[in-house]
C-alpha atoms as a PDB file:
ATOM      1  CA  MET A   1      -0.021 -27.238  -5.211  1.00  0.00           C
ATOM      2  CA  GLN A   2      -1.097 -25.932  -1.947  1.00  0.00           C
ATOM      3  CA  VAL A   3      -4.422 -26.765  -0.698  1.00  0.00           C
ATOM      4  CA  LEU A   4      -7.048 -24.254   1.118  1.00  0.00           C
ATOM      5  CA  ALA A   5     -10.041 -25.883   2.789  1.00  0.00           C
ATOM      6  CA  PRO A   6     -13.268 -24.374   4.582  1.00  0.00           C
ATOM      7  CA  ILE A   7     -14.373 -24.203   7.926  1.00  0.00           C
ATOM      8  CA  TYR A   8     -17.793 -23.832   8.630  1.00  0.00           C
ATOM      9  CA  GLY A   9     -18.553 -23.533  12.158  1.00  0.00           C
ATOM     10  CA  LEU A  10     -17.946 -21.014  15.020  1.00  0.00           C
ATOM     11  CA  ALA A  11     -17.362 -22.812  18.308  1.00  0.00           C
ATOM     12  CA  ASP A  12     -15.268 -25.447  17.176  1.00  0.00           C
ATOM     13  CA  ALA A  13     -13.377 -23.228  14.321  1.00  0.00           C
ATOM     14  CA  GLY A  14     -10.041 -23.991  16.289  1.00  0.00           C
ATOM     15  CA  GLU A  15     -10.370 -27.706  16.307  1.00  0.00           C
ATOM     16  CA  GLU A  16     -11.827 -27.521  12.570  1.00  0.00           C
ATOM     17  CA  ALA A  17      -8.698 -25.817  11.661  1.00  0.00           C
ATOM     18  CA  ALA A  18      -5.763 -27.863  13.835  1.00  0.00           C
ATOM     19  CA  ARG A  19      -7.713 -31.046  12.072  1.00  0.00           C
ATOM     20  CA  LEU A  20      -7.254 -29.819   8.744  1.00  0.00           C
ATOM     21  CA  ALA A  21      -3.873 -28.585   9.428  1.00  0.00           C
ATOM     22  CA  ASP A  22      -3.009 -32.178  10.754  1.00  0.00           C
ATOM     23  CA  ALA A  23      -4.799 -33.401   7.335  1.00  0.00           C
ATOM     24  CA  GLY A  24      -1.924 -31.226   5.749  1.00  0.00           C
ATOM     25  CA  VAL A  25      -3.717 -28.253   4.426  1.00  0.00           C
ATOM     26  CA  ASP A  26      -2.104 -25.291   3.957  1.00  0.00           C
ATOM     27  CA  GLY A  27      -4.635 -22.820   4.685  1.00  0.00           C
ATOM     28  CA  VAL A  28      -8.499 -22.481   5.843  1.00  0.00           C
ATOM     29  CA  PHE A  29     -11.230 -20.084   4.747  1.00  0.00           C
ATOM     30  CA  THR A  30     -14.485 -18.901   6.006  1.00  0.00           C
ATOM     31  CA  PHE A  31     -18.032 -18.113   4.482  1.00  0.00           C
ATOM     32  CA  GLU A  32     -20.559 -15.248   4.834  1.00  0.00           C
ATOM     33  CA  GLY A  33     -23.356 -17.833   6.046  1.00  0.00           C
ATOM     34  CA  PRO A  34     -24.741 -18.140   9.804  1.00  0.00           C
ATOM     35  CA  HIS A  35     -21.834 -16.968  11.202  1.00  0.00           C
ATOM     36  CA  ASP A  36     -19.471 -13.669  10.827  1.00  0.00           C
ATOM     37  CA  VAL A  37     -17.068 -14.299   8.412  1.00  0.00           C
ATOM     38  CA  PHE A  38     -14.030 -12.898  10.592  1.00  0.00           C
ATOM     39  CA  LEU A  39     -14.711 -14.110  14.054  1.00  0.00           C
ATOM     40  CA  PRO A  40     -14.166 -17.951  13.460  1.00  0.00           C
ATOM     41  CA  LEU A  41     -10.688 -17.107  11.795  1.00  0.00           C
ATOM     42  CA  ALA A  42      -9.503 -15.407  15.223  1.00  0.00           C
ATOM     43  CA  LEU A  43      -9.952 -19.045  16.515  1.00  0.00           C
ATOM     44  CA  ALA A  44      -8.222 -20.717  13.848  1.00  0.00           C
ATOM     45  CA  ALA A  45      -5.429 -18.028  14.218  1.00  0.00           C
ATOM     46  CA  ALA A  46      -4.247 -19.561  17.782  1.00  0.00           C
ATOM     47  CA  ALA A  47      -5.150 -23.363  16.605  1.00  0.00           C
ATOM     48  CA  ALA A  48      -3.078 -23.755  13.555  1.00  0.00           C
ATOM     49  CA  PRO A  49      -0.085 -22.433  11.733  1.00  0.00           C
ATOM     50  CA  VAL A  50      -2.179 -22.226   8.550  1.00  0.00           C
ATOM     51  CA  ALA A  51      -2.735 -19.435   6.212  1.00  0.00           C
ATOM     52  CA  LEU A  52      -6.088 -17.897   6.744  1.00  0.00           C
ATOM     53  CA  MET A  53      -8.707 -16.083   4.353  1.00  0.00           C
ATOM     54  CA  THR A  54     -12.259 -14.604   4.365  1.00  0.00           C
ATOM     55  CA  ASN A  55     -14.020 -16.253   1.167  1.00  0.00           C
ATOM     56  CA  VAL A  56     -15.725 -13.828   0.943  1.00  0.00           C
ATOM     57  CA  ALA A  57     -16.535 -11.003   3.176  1.00  0.00           C
ATOM     58  CA  ILE A  58     -19.387  -9.325   1.331  1.00  0.00           C
ATOM     59  CA  ALA A  59     -17.722  -5.785   0.912  1.00  0.00           C
ATOM     60  CA  LEU A  60     -20.659  -3.581  -0.705  1.00  0.00           C
ATOM     61  CA  PRO A  61     -22.263  -3.026   2.497  1.00  0.00           C
ATOM     62  CA  ARG A  62     -19.394  -2.836   4.987  1.00  0.00           C
ATOM     63  CA  ASN A  63     -17.480   0.555   5.680  1.00  0.00           C
ATOM     64  CA  ALA A  64     -13.884   0.140   4.767  1.00  0.00           C
ATOM     65  CA  ILE A  65     -12.771   0.954   7.956  1.00  0.00           C
ATOM     66  CA  HIS A  66     -14.256  -1.904   9.448  1.00  0.00           C
ATOM     67  CA  LEU A  67     -13.090  -4.154   6.793  1.00  0.00           C
ATOM     68  CA  ALA A  68      -9.361  -2.503   7.352  1.00  0.00           C
ATOM     69  CA  HIS A  69      -9.564  -3.012  10.813  1.00  0.00           C
ATOM     70  CA  ALA A  70     -10.767  -6.699  11.064  1.00  0.00           C
ATOM     71  CA  ALA A  71      -8.152  -7.577   8.660  1.00  0.00           C
ATOM     72  CA  TRP A  72      -5.365  -5.819  10.108  1.00  0.00           C
ATOM     73  CA  ASP A  73      -6.075  -7.726  13.493  1.00  0.00           C
ATOM     74  CA  LEU A  74      -6.699 -10.978  12.174  1.00  0.00           C
ATOM     75  CA  HIS A  75      -3.140 -10.439  10.504  1.00  0.00           C
ATOM     76  CA  SER A  76      -1.336  -9.250  13.248  1.00  0.00           C
ATOM     77  CA  LEU A  77      -3.063 -12.266  15.544  1.00  0.00           C
ATOM     78  CA  SER A  78      -1.854 -14.878  13.148  1.00  0.00           C
ATOM     79  CA  GLY A  79       1.697 -13.295  12.582  1.00  0.00           C
ATOM     80  CA  GLY A  80       0.965 -12.383   8.922  1.00  0.00           C
ATOM     81  CA  ARG A  81      -1.188 -15.323   7.426  1.00  0.00           C
ATOM     82  CA  PHE A  82      -4.172 -13.428   6.628  1.00  0.00           C
ATOM     83  CA  THR A  83      -5.741 -12.560   3.221  1.00  0.00           C
ATOM     84  CA  LEU A  84      -9.011 -10.257   3.068  1.00  0.00           C
ATOM     85  CA  GLY A  85     -10.932 -11.921   0.714  1.00  0.00           C
ATOM     86  CA  LEU A  86     -13.846  -9.648  -0.925  1.00  0.00           C
ATOM     87  CA  GLY A  87     -16.886 -10.399  -2.684  1.00  0.00           C
ATOM     88  CA  SER A  88     -19.708  -8.324  -4.065  1.00  0.00           C
ATOM     89  CA  GLN A  89     -22.907 -10.803  -3.648  1.00  0.00           C
ATOM     90  CA  ILE A  90     -25.978 -10.378  -5.895  1.00  0.00           C
ATOM     91  CA  ARG A  91     -28.173  -7.869  -6.093  1.00  0.00           C
ATOM     92  CA  THR A  92     -30.970  -9.220  -4.088  1.00  0.00           C
ATOM     93  CA  HIS A  93     -29.052  -9.997  -1.174  1.00  0.00           C
ATOM     94  CA  VAL A  94     -27.026  -6.733  -1.154  1.00  0.00           C
ATOM     95  CA  GLU A  95     -30.416  -4.712  -1.409  1.00  0.00           C
ATOM     96  CA  ARG A  96     -32.901  -6.942   0.546  1.00  0.00           C
ATOM     97  CA  ARG A  97     -30.947  -8.856   3.062  1.00  0.00           C
ATOM     98  CA  PHE A  98     -28.152  -6.044   3.986  1.00  0.00           C
ATOM     99  CA  GLY A  99     -30.225  -2.885   3.143  1.00  0.00           C
ATOM    100  CA  ALA A 100     -27.512  -1.534   1.048  1.00  0.00           C
ATOM    101  CA  GLU A 101     -26.934  -0.396  -2.716  1.00  0.00           C
ATOM    102  CA  PHE A 102     -25.284  -2.742  -5.108  1.00  0.00           C
ATOM    103  CA  HIS A 103     -25.343  -1.312  -8.443  1.00  0.00           C
ATOM    104  CA  PRO A 104     -22.892  -0.665 -10.187  1.00  0.00           C
ATOM    105  CA  PRO A 105     -20.897  -3.499  -8.524  1.00  0.00           C
ATOM    106  CA  VAL A 106     -17.699  -3.637 -10.282  1.00  0.00           C
ATOM    107  CA  PRO A 107     -16.694  -0.066  -9.780  1.00  0.00           C
ATOM    108  CA  ARG A 108     -18.336  -0.163  -6.311  1.00  0.00           C
ATOM    109  CA  MET A 109     -15.853  -3.042  -5.629  1.00  0.00           C
ATOM    110  CA  ARG A 110     -12.920  -1.372  -7.395  1.00  0.00           C
ATOM    111  CA  ASP A 111     -13.443   1.474  -4.956  1.00  0.00           C
ATOM    112  CA  THR A 112     -13.752  -0.412  -1.961  1.00  0.00           C
ATOM    113  CA  VAL A 113     -10.358  -2.325  -2.726  1.00  0.00           C
ATOM    114  CA  ASP A 114      -8.736   1.256  -3.414  1.00  0.00           C
ATOM    115  CA  ALA A 115     -10.173   2.531  -0.348  1.00  0.00           C
ATOM    116  CA  VAL A 116      -8.946  -0.385   1.830  1.00  0.00           C
ATOM    117  CA  ARG A 117      -5.528  -0.254   0.490  1.00  0.00           C
ATOM    118  CA  ALA A 118      -5.518   3.799   1.317  1.00  0.00           C
ATOM    119  CA  VAL A 119      -6.164   2.627   4.866  1.00  0.00           C
ATOM    120  CA  PHE A 120      -3.376   0.137   4.808  1.00  0.00           C
ATOM    121  CA  GLU A 121      -1.082   2.441   3.317  1.00  0.00           C
ATOM    122  CA  SER A 122      -1.919   5.012   6.215  1.00  0.00           C
ATOM    123  CA  TRP A 123      -1.018   2.561   8.648  1.00  0.00           C
ATOM    124  CA  GLN A 124       1.876   0.904   7.553  1.00  0.00           C
ATOM    125  CA  HIS A 125       3.895   4.283   6.475  1.00  0.00           C
ATOM    126  CA  GLY A 126       1.826   6.843   8.132  1.00  0.00           C
ATOM    127  CA  THR A 127       0.618   8.498   4.750  1.00  0.00           C
ATOM    128  CA  PRO A 128      -2.134  10.895   5.003  1.00  0.00           C
ATOM    129  CA  LEU A 129      -5.274   9.284   4.560  1.00  0.00           C
ATOM    130  CA  ASP A 130      -7.036  10.904   1.507  1.00  0.00           C
ATOM    131  CA  HIS A 131      -9.264   8.579   0.138  1.00  0.00           C
ATOM    132  CA  ARG A 132     -11.743  10.070  -2.423  1.00  0.00           C
ATOM    133  CA  GLY A 133     -13.442   7.948  -4.400  1.00  0.00           C
ATOM    134  CA  PRO A 134     -16.891   7.747  -6.444  1.00  0.00           C
ATOM    135  CA  TYR A 135     -18.398   5.573  -3.717  1.00  0.00           C
ATOM    136  CA  ARG A 136     -16.506   5.923  -0.481  1.00  0.00           C
ATOM    137  CA  GLN A 137     -14.518   9.068   1.049  1.00  0.00           C
ATOM    138  CA  HIS A 138     -12.182   8.617   4.068  1.00  0.00           C
ATOM    139  CA  THR A 139     -10.190  11.564   4.748  1.00  0.00           C
ATOM    140  CA  LEU A 140      -9.283  11.212   8.605  1.00  0.00           C
ATOM    141  CA  MET A 141      -7.191   9.184  10.377  1.00  0.00           C
ATOM    142  CA  SER A 142      -5.799  10.175  13.943  1.00  0.00           C
ATOM    143  CA  PRO A 143      -2.853   8.022  15.400  1.00  0.00           C
ATOM    144  CA  MET A 144      -5.261   6.931  18.359  1.00  0.00           C
ATOM    145  CA  PHE A 145      -6.899   5.073  15.835  1.00  0.00           C
ATOM    146  CA  SER A 146      -4.199   3.836  13.941  1.00  0.00           C
ATOM    147  CA  PRO A 147      -2.594   0.224  14.987  1.00  0.00           C
ATOM    148  CA  PRO A 148       0.951   0.084  14.478  1.00  0.00           C
ATOM    149  CA  PRO A 149       2.607  -0.855  11.244  1.00  0.00           C
ATOM    150  CA  SER A 150       2.804  -4.688  10.468  1.00  0.00           C
ATOM    151  CA  PRO A 151       6.395  -6.393  10.514  1.00  0.00           C
ATOM    152  CA  THR A 152       5.133  -8.763   7.882  1.00  0.00           C
ATOM    153  CA  GLY A 153       3.369  -5.784   5.345  1.00  0.00           C
ATOM    154  CA  PRO A 154      -0.264  -5.404   5.040  1.00  0.00           C
ATOM    155  CA  PRO A 155      -2.677  -8.010   4.499  1.00  0.00           C
ATOM    156  CA  ARG A 156      -3.185  -9.240   0.741  1.00  0.00           C
ATOM    157  CA  ILE A 157      -6.512  -8.489  -0.615  1.00  0.00           C
ATOM    158  CA  ALA A 158      -8.619 -11.281  -2.869  1.00  0.00           C
ATOM    159  CA  VAL A 159     -11.447 -10.481  -4.864  1.00  0.00           C
ATOM    160  CA  GLY A 160     -13.867 -13.053  -5.687  1.00  0.00           C
ATOM    161  CA  GLY A 161     -14.881 -13.064  -9.486  1.00  0.00           C
ATOM    162  CA  LEU A 162     -16.812 -14.889 -11.779  1.00  0.00           C
ATOM    163  CA  GLY A 163     -18.112 -12.579 -14.624  1.00  0.00           C
ATOM    164  CA  PRO A 164     -15.619 -10.918 -16.811  1.00  0.00           C
ATOM    165  CA  MET A 165     -15.656  -7.343 -15.745  1.00  0.00           C
ATOM    166  CA  MET A 166     -15.186  -8.483 -11.923  1.00  0.00           C
ATOM    167  CA  CYS A 167     -12.244 -10.915 -13.026  1.00  0.00           C
ATOM    168  CA  ALA A 168     -10.491  -8.054 -14.911  1.00  0.00           C
ATOM    169  CA  MET A 169     -10.862  -5.371 -12.369  1.00  0.00           C
ATOM    170  CA  ALA A 170      -9.632  -7.893  -9.766  1.00  0.00           C
ATOM    171  CA  ALA A 171      -6.799  -8.735 -11.993  1.00  0.00           C
ATOM    172  CA  GLU A 172      -6.054  -5.017 -12.388  1.00  0.00           C
ATOM    173  CA  VAL A 173      -6.025  -3.636  -8.709  1.00  0.00           C
ATOM    174  CA  ALA A 174      -6.133  -7.195  -6.327  1.00  0.00           C
ATOM    175  CA  ASP A 175      -3.397  -9.301  -5.005  1.00  0.00           C
ATOM    176  CA  VAL A 176      -5.605 -12.210  -5.732  1.00  0.00           C
ATOM    177  CA  LEU A 177      -8.283 -13.479  -8.038  1.00  0.00           C
ATOM    178  CA  ALA A 178     -10.442 -15.731  -6.158  1.00  0.00           C
ATOM    179  CA  VAL A 179     -12.438 -17.636  -9.081  1.00  0.00           C
ATOM    180  CA  MET A 180     -15.634 -18.583  -7.999  1.00  0.00           C
ATOM    181  CA  PRO A 181     -16.487 -22.512  -7.380  1.00  0.00           C
ATOM    182  CA  VAL A 182     -19.317 -22.911 -10.309  1.00  0.00           C
ATOM    183  CA  THR A 183     -16.828 -23.033 -13.153  1.00  0.00           C
ATOM    184  CA  SER A 184     -15.352 -25.199 -15.568  1.00  0.00           C
ATOM    185  CA  ARG A 185     -12.367 -25.865 -18.009  1.00  0.00           C
ATOM    186  CA  ARG A 186     -14.160 -24.381 -20.659  1.00  0.00           C
ATOM    187  CA  TRP A 187     -15.258 -21.115 -18.680  1.00  0.00           C
ATOM    188  CA  PHE A 188     -12.059 -20.884 -17.035  1.00  0.00           C
ATOM    189  CA  GLU A 189      -9.921 -20.944 -20.212  1.00  0.00           C
ATOM    190  CA  GLU A 190     -12.501 -19.348 -22.238  1.00  0.00           C
ATOM    191  CA  HIS A 191     -13.593 -16.430 -20.335  1.00  0.00           C
ATOM    192  CA  THR A 192     -12.034 -16.130 -16.787  1.00  0.00           C
ATOM    193  CA  MET A 193      -8.435 -15.922 -18.255  1.00  0.00           C
ATOM    194  CA  ASP A 194      -9.394 -13.841 -21.182  1.00  0.00           C
ATOM    195  CA  ALA A 195     -10.683 -11.285 -18.803  1.00  0.00           C
ATOM    196  CA  VAL A 196      -7.531 -11.798 -16.489  1.00  0.00           C
ATOM    197  CA  GLU A 197      -5.074 -11.354 -19.220  1.00  0.00           C
ATOM    198  CA  ARG A 198      -7.309  -7.480 -19.910  1.00  0.00           C
ATOM    199  CA  GLY A 199      -6.710  -6.919 -16.390  1.00  0.00           C
ATOM    200  CA  ARG A 200      -3.033  -7.488 -16.112  1.00  0.00           C
ATOM    201  CA  SER A 201      -2.185  -5.248 -18.910  1.00  0.00           C
ATOM    202  CA  ARG A 202      -3.720  -2.437 -17.002  1.00  0.00           C
ATOM    203  CA  ARG A 203      -2.171  -3.558 -13.735  1.00  0.00           C
ATOM    204  CA  ASP A 204       0.019  -1.422 -11.731  1.00  0.00           C
ATOM    205  CA  PRO A 205       3.915  -3.078 -11.557  1.00  0.00           C
ATOM    206  CA  VAL A 206       4.073  -1.731  -7.685  1.00  0.00           C
ATOM    207  CA  LEU A 207       1.497  -4.176  -6.950  1.00  0.00           C
ATOM    208  CA  GLY A 208       3.620  -6.922  -7.707  1.00  0.00           C
ATOM    209  CA  PRO A 209       2.403 -10.214  -9.306  1.00  0.00           C
ATOM    210  CA  LEU A 210      -1.481 -11.197  -9.277  1.00  0.00           C
ATOM    211  CA  GLU A 211      -2.409 -14.854  -7.901  1.00  0.00           C
ATOM    212  CA  VAL A 212      -5.031 -16.667  -9.796  1.00  0.00           C
ATOM    213  CA  LEU A 213      -6.613 -19.026  -7.141  1.00  0.00           C
ATOM    214  CA  PRO A 214      -9.225 -21.290  -8.410  1.00  0.00           C
ATOM    215  CA  GLU A 215     -12.246 -22.495  -6.187  1.00  0.00           C
ATOM    216  CA  LEU A 216     -13.440 -25.910  -6.807  1.00  0.00           C
ATOM    217  CA  ILE A 217     -16.274 -28.007  -5.607  1.00  0.00           C
ATOM    218  CA  ILE A 218     -14.664 -31.661  -5.599  1.00  0.00           C
ATOM    219  CA  ALA A 219     -16.482 -34.798  -5.448  1.00  0.00           C
ATOM    220  CA  VAL A 220     -14.070 -37.137  -4.252  1.00  0.00           C
ATOM    221  CA  GLY A 221     -13.819 -41.014  -3.089  1.00  0.00           C
ATOM    222  CA  ARG A 222     -11.682 -44.131  -2.636  1.00  0.00           C
ATOM    223  CA  ASP A 223     -14.659 -46.185  -3.634  1.00  0.00           C
ATOM    224  CA  GLU A 224     -17.931 -46.209  -5.174  1.00  0.00           C
ATOM    225  CA  ASP A 225     -19.608 -45.834  -1.709  1.00  0.00           C
ATOM    226  CA  GLU A 226     -17.646 -42.696  -0.961  1.00  0.00           C
ATOM    227  CA  LEU A 227     -18.343 -41.468  -4.303  1.00  0.00           C
ATOM    228  CA  ALA A 228     -21.923 -41.825  -4.025  1.00  0.00           C
ATOM    229  CA  VAL A 229     -21.649 -39.735  -0.909  1.00  0.00           C
ATOM    230  CA  ALA A 230     -19.509 -36.947  -2.723  1.00  0.00           C
ATOM    231  CA  ASP A 231     -21.596 -37.176  -5.669  1.00  0.00           C
ATOM    232  CA  ALA A 232     -25.090 -36.267  -3.719  1.00  0.00           C
ATOM    233  CA  GLY A 233     -23.318 -33.604  -1.729  1.00  0.00           C
ATOM    234  CA  CYS A 234     -22.136 -31.942  -4.933  1.00  0.00           C
ATOM    235  CA  ARG A 235     -25.340 -32.186  -6.917  1.00  0.00           C
ATOM    236  CA  ALA A 236     -27.496 -30.422  -4.109  1.00  0.00           C
ATOM    237  CA  LEU A 237     -24.698 -27.727  -3.862  1.00  0.00           C
ATOM    238  CA  LEU A 238     -24.642 -27.098  -7.891  1.00  0.00           C
ATOM    239  CA  GLY A 239     -28.244 -27.281  -7.835  1.00  0.00           C
ATOM    240  CA  PHE A 240     -28.528 -24.399  -5.531  1.00  0.00           C
ATOM    241  CA  TYR A 241     -26.138 -22.557  -7.762  1.00  0.00           C
ATOM    242  CA  VAL A 242     -28.180 -23.200 -10.853  1.00  0.00           C
ATOM    243  CA  SER A 243     -31.266 -21.910  -9.515  1.00  0.00           C
ATOM    244  CA  THR A 244     -29.021 -18.109  -8.913  1.00  0.00           C
ATOM    245  CA  PRO A 245     -29.218 -16.112 -12.191  1.00  0.00           C
ATOM    246  CA  ALA A 246     -25.858 -14.819 -11.896  1.00  0.00           C
ATOM    247  CA  TYR A 247     -24.330 -18.522 -12.542  1.00  0.00           C
ATOM    248  CA  ARG A 248     -26.363 -19.273 -15.630  1.00  0.00           C
ATOM    249  CA  PRO A 249     -23.616 -18.037 -17.861  1.00  0.00           C
ATOM    250  CA  VAL A 250     -21.264 -20.799 -16.861  1.00  0.00           C
ATOM    251  CA  PHE A 251     -24.026 -23.407 -17.288  1.00  0.00           C
ATOM    252  CA  GLU A 252     -24.919 -22.128 -20.920  1.00  0.00           C
ATOM    253  CA  VAL A 253     -21.476 -22.368 -21.952  1.00  0.00           C
ATOM    254  CA  GLU A 254     -22.299 -26.172 -20.827  1.00  0.00           C
ATOM    255  CA  SER A 255     -25.562 -26.362 -22.828  1.00  0.00           C
ATOM    256  CA  ALA A 256     -27.260 -26.371 -19.330  1.00  0.00           C
ATOM    257  CA  GLY A 257     -28.460 -22.991 -19.212  1.00  0.00           C
ATOM    258  CA  GLU A 258     -32.154 -24.132 -19.469  1.00  0.00           C
ATOM    259  CA  LEU A 259     -31.882 -25.417 -16.188  1.00  0.00           C
ATOM    260  CA  GLN A 260     -31.760 -22.185 -14.299  1.00  0.00           C
ATOM    261  CA  PRO A 261     -35.602 -21.499 -14.671  1.00  0.00           C
ATOM    262  CA  ILE A 262     -36.666 -24.801 -13.748  1.00  0.00           C
ATOM    263  CA  ALA A 263     -34.160 -24.460 -10.536  1.00  0.00           C
ATOM    264  CA  ARG A 264     -35.308 -21.021  -9.771  1.00  0.00           C
ATOM    265  CA  ASP A 265     -39.055 -22.294 -10.090  1.00  0.00           C
ATOM    266  CA  LEU A 266     -38.356 -25.418  -7.716  1.00  0.00           C
ATOM    267  CA  THR A 267     -37.175 -22.953  -5.041  1.00  0.00           C
ATOM    268  CA  ARG A 268     -40.353 -20.649  -5.194  1.00  0.00           C
ATOM    269  CA  GLU A 269     -41.990 -23.668  -4.553  1.00  0.00           C
ATOM    270  CA  GLY A 270     -39.909 -24.369  -1.703  1.00  0.00           C
ATOM    271  CA  ARG A 271     -38.404 -27.837  -3.155  1.00  0.00           C
ATOM    272  CA  TRP A 272     -35.135 -27.337  -2.462  1.00  0.00           C
ATOM    273  CA  ASP A 273     -34.284 -30.911  -1.838  1.00  0.00           C
ATOM    274  CA  ASP A 274     -35.139 -31.352  -5.714  1.00  0.00           C
ATOM    275  CA  LEU A 275     -32.382 -29.003  -6.707  1.00  0.00           C
ATOM    276  CA  GLY A 276     -29.941 -31.884  -7.061  1.00  0.00           C
ATOM    277  CA  ASP A 277     -31.664 -33.925  -9.447  1.00  0.00           C
ATOM    278  CA  LEU A 278     -31.522 -31.638 -11.961  1.00  0.00           C
ATOM    279  CA  ILE A 279     -27.582 -32.056 -12.101  1.00  0.00           C
ATOM    280  CA  ASP A 280     -26.772 -35.172 -14.230  1.00  0.00           C
ATOM    281  CA  ASP A 281     -23.305 -37.148 -14.178  1.00  0.00           C
ATOM    282  CA  GLU A 282     -22.202 -35.452 -17.142  1.00  0.00           C
ATOM    283  CA  LEU A 283     -22.811 -31.839 -16.144  1.00  0.00           C
ATOM    284  CA  LEU A 284     -21.536 -32.559 -12.581  1.00  0.00           C
ATOM    285  CA  ALA A 285     -18.093 -33.556 -14.026  1.00  0.00           C
ATOM    286  CA  ARG A 286     -17.453 -30.980 -16.118  1.00  0.00           C
ATOM    287  CA  ILE A 287     -18.227 -28.458 -13.446  1.00  0.00           C
ATOM    288  CA  ALA A 288     -16.844 -30.053 -10.255  1.00  0.00           C
ATOM    289  CA  VAL A 289     -13.927 -32.116 -10.444  1.00  0.00           C
ATOM    290  CA  ARG A 290     -14.559 -35.887  -9.529  1.00  0.00           C
ATOM    291  CA  GLY A 291     -12.631 -38.938  -9.079  1.00  0.00           C
ATOM    292  CA  THR A 292     -10.343 -40.721  -6.824  1.00  0.00           C
ATOM    293  CA  PRO A 293      -7.777 -38.555  -4.712  1.00  0.00           C
ATOM    294  CA  ALA A 294      -4.908 -39.269  -7.624  1.00  0.00           C
ATOM    295  CA  GLU A 295      -7.842 -38.591 -10.256  1.00  0.00           C
ATOM    296  CA  VAL A 296      -8.716 -35.362  -8.806  1.00  0.00           C
ATOM    297  CA  ALA A 297      -5.270 -34.246  -8.509  1.00  0.00           C
ATOM    298  CA  ALA A 298      -4.524 -34.988 -11.839  1.00  0.00           C
ATOM    299  CA  GLN A 299      -7.497 -33.213 -13.676  1.00  0.00           C
ATOM    300  CA  ILE A 300      -6.620 -29.814 -11.227  1.00  0.00           C
ATOM    301  CA  ALA A 301      -3.004 -30.299 -12.577  1.00  0.00           C
ATOM    302  CA  ASP A 302      -4.285 -30.289 -16.192  1.00  0.00           C
ATOM    303  CA  ARG A 303      -7.092 -27.650 -15.817  1.00  0.00           C
ATOM    304  CA  TYR A 304      -5.177 -25.052 -13.629  1.00  0.00           C
ATOM    305  CA  GLY A 305      -1.893 -26.216 -13.200  1.00  0.00           C
ATOM    306  CA  THR A 306      -0.270 -23.708 -15.470  1.00  0.00           C
ATOM    307  CA  HIS A 307      -2.033 -20.743 -13.683  1.00  0.00           C
ATOM    308  CA  SER A 308      -2.320 -21.540 -10.097  1.00  0.00           C
ATOM    309  CA  SER A 309      -0.248 -22.846  -7.174  1.00  0.00           C
ATOM    310  CA  ARG A 310      -3.014 -22.842  -4.653  1.00  0.00           C
ATOM    311  CA  VAL A 311      -6.551 -24.036  -5.232  1.00  0.00           C
ATOM    312  CA  ALA A 312      -9.227 -23.490  -2.518  1.00  0.00           C
ATOM    313  CA  VAL A 313     -11.432 -26.731  -2.209  1.00  0.00           C
ATOM    314  CA  TYR A 314     -15.260 -27.526  -1.317  1.00  0.00           C
ATOM    315  CA  LEU A 315     -16.096 -30.868  -0.156  1.00  0.00           C
ATOM    316  CA  PRO A 316     -20.113 -30.334   0.617  1.00  0.00           C
ATOM    317  CA  TYR A 317     -20.604 -33.734   2.466  1.00  0.00           C
ATOM    318  CA  THR A 318     -19.412 -35.564   5.237  1.00  0.00           C
ATOM    319  CA  VAL A 319     -15.875 -36.584   4.325  1.00  0.00           C
ATOM    320  CA  ALA A 320     -14.666 -40.121   5.207  1.00  0.00           C
ATOM    321  CA  ASP A 321     -11.858 -40.599   7.613  1.00  0.00           C
ATOM    322  CA  GLY A 322      -8.402 -40.022   6.139  1.00  0.00           C
ATOM    323  CA  LEU A 323      -9.637 -38.932   2.930  1.00  0.00           C
ATOM    324  CA  TRP A 324      -8.486 -35.606   3.569  1.00  0.00           C
ATOM    325  CA  GLY A 325      -5.173 -36.551   4.042  1.00  0.00           C
ATOM    326  CA  GLU A 326      -5.010 -38.478   0.796  1.00  0.00           C
ATOM    327  CA  LEU A 327      -6.186 -35.659  -1.363  1.00  0.00           C
ATOM    328  CA  VAL A 328      -4.155 -33.472   0.074  1.00  0.00           C
ATOM    329  CA  ASP A 329      -1.195 -35.445  -0.270  1.00  0.00           C
ATOM    330  CA  GLU A 330      -1.946 -36.072  -3.854  1.00  0.00           C
ATOM    331  CA  LEU A 331      -2.639 -32.426  -4.519  1.00  0.00           C
ATOM    332  CA  HIS A 332       0.958 -31.539  -2.885  1.00  0.00           C
ATOM    333  CA  SER A 333       2.465 -34.027  -5.138  1.00  0.00           C
ATOM    334  CA  VAL A 334       1.457 -31.951  -8.213  1.00  0.00           C
END
């Protein structure tokens, strides 16, 4: 099983990509956070021969032409190693942080994917650009603004999904469904894959096979001290996620939906450091993947190996020396 790992910084993005490549990872991805989601990957592309992915670029506020240009340039710069990962974010951030329209998110995301594909088709094959969607219209592409065709073909498009409607839409029109990291075995089997099969039944065969890419929060350590550090980091991250209403359905499936309003109140009181205390050992083990490198690899193979050949992993804590390499080696052996 191949492994994608995160890079968080900007100035050190190249060095971090090279370090992760030395540890054996197969790809790196960036977040929409304190830095631009595309720029660090330009540094990573030059520093390491690994796959690159935005995970994810918030799509609804961005123009499809801007998305296409950033993706095409990174794909060209990396020799065909880039995947354009798109996500919808939540309504509050799209409307209040980005100042853009959000509702309805699934049709808007579908229109975005269709629009970007239309641009890619124009650049790759010279097809006249004529996308007339419900939310985006692009009907002009002059030669002056068209990059040359890609020798490796256009970038792949991934869509991040959690809810059944977004997952089904992604399975129908995207190249990759990036399953958001707040998941559990039960949610994945009963909700995600059910939606994927509905989307696949409507998929155009011209698009080729869909890749299901699970994104996993991992608490890994070789001894109790390393696991204690990992547990603390994962509890804090899951505490943040449980405060967000969009993730409540996953916690409800795991009989922990009542934590959401408690976590919401903590954030309103500014008690961010207390969120991790809401995640007990049992809930941590059901949503995150926890154990030694060998145990983590075995659990991932058991949960996701039937459906996936790659995973994107989140280790939200300081990782001890050598641990990345051991984890990647174990996952490669799956």
